[in-house]
Amino acid sequence: MREIGRAARAAADLLARAPAEVKSAALREAAAEIRRSADAILAANEEDMRGARARGLSAAMLDRLALDPKRLEATAAGVDAIAAFTDPIGEVIASWERPNGLRIERVRVPLGVIGIIYESRPNVTADAGALCLKSGNAAILRGGSESARSSAAIHACFARALATHGLPEAAVQLVPTQDREAVGIMLGEMTEFIDVIVPRGGKGLVARVQQDARVPVMAHLEGICHTFIHAAADLEMARSVTLNAKMRRTGICGATETVLVDRACAATHLEPVVKALLDAGCEVRGDAAAQAVDSRVKAAADDDFGKEFLDAIVAVKLVDGIDAALEHIRRFGSAHTDAIITDDAAAAERFLNELDSAIVMHNASTQFADGGEFGMGAEIGIATGKIHARGPVGAAELTSYKYRVHGSGQTRP
């Protein structure tokens, strides 16, 4: 592990000075390698899937692990998109001149070496590797044992692409062991090599990283996302957006876990929305009002509000207007992503301005909480903290800055 760290530090020094066009060319080559190696990657993924089924992994974990031609092409396309972005390194964020003639610039620079610890999703290997490379950072990737074969097959594409374009292969390294001790070493014994840790996985993984890491962490604990159907919501929009927000992919962190319905529109909106969810195969756990509209609705337990189901399960509750909705979300939410469905512009503005979540939405599915959908090409994850980065963490969010000061012989009196 320490040798991996040393190699990453040396690679980071070179990447910080690498020309933008060389990094972009390597990324385009990595995308092409993923496409050329599709059969091998999908075969490796099928082996991972067989092992995961044998181990009894949940449906949500299996969904995160699974690759198919469409998902793999989306992964390659994401790498291509990152390659096409403007290089953030060297960007002058701000500049000004002092009365004494000093010219000061705030300029983006890489963070250095980023450790990414993740579970299940093999596409994170590509997303994280590409974003780190674009932003001039070296990456140390430690994927979960359930996705080891898939991640290794994708990582091999990056290794070949880096070598082709004269960049150090240590710029994107995959920890070659599934021994849990490797994670402990990354968190506590590699502070001289790793500048930032990004965990991407379940609550247990993220909590452990936040507790044990001796370097800064960019993370979110849970994606407890809400969709609030306001009194002025268009019924068809409320139905279609809520259904997508919950059921498009139930195992992602942007999936809605609680639906709040304004009591003022319950007579017209509650039953159609609940029935749409039920008919789509979603288990609905509701309060008394939700149970009254359909016998298939189960009684919600107290802890169903504030739970990340990561499955085709949703909690539904009536609330008395926007104030009650905001109060509920502040109490039970995780500051990840929350949405309001309404045609009332003033209500939308209140929701967007007063709710302090990393992502707040108006008339859109919470499943858009994704770096690719934000135009970032991909993301390492959704950060819910307030230090450094918040929301989708793309290439620009993986940078820091320094100040460049230009003088003409000034001295300080």
Foldseek 3Di string as FASTA:
>chain_A
DVVLLVLQQVLLVVLQPDDLLLLLQLLLQLLVLLVVCVVQLQVLLVVLLVVCVVVVDDPLLSVQQHDDPVNSNLLSQLSNLLSPDDQQFQDFPDWDADPVGKIKTKTWTFLEEEEEEEERHLSLLSQVLSLCSSLSYAYEYEYAPSNLRSNVSSLVSSLVSCVVSVRDSSSRHYPNDNPPVVVLCQFAPSVVRHAEYEYYYALVVVVVSVVRHPHHYFYFRALAEEEEEALAFDQVLVQVQLLCLCPVQLQDSLRHAEYEYEPNCCVPRLLSNLVSLVVVPAAEAEDPSNCVNDVSHHHDDPPSQLDRPSDSYHYYYYAHGDVRVLVSCVVRPRLAEYEYGHPDPVSQCCQVPVRRHLYYYYSHHSVCQFCVSVSQSGASDAGGDDPQDHGGHGNNSSIDIDMDMDDDPDDDD
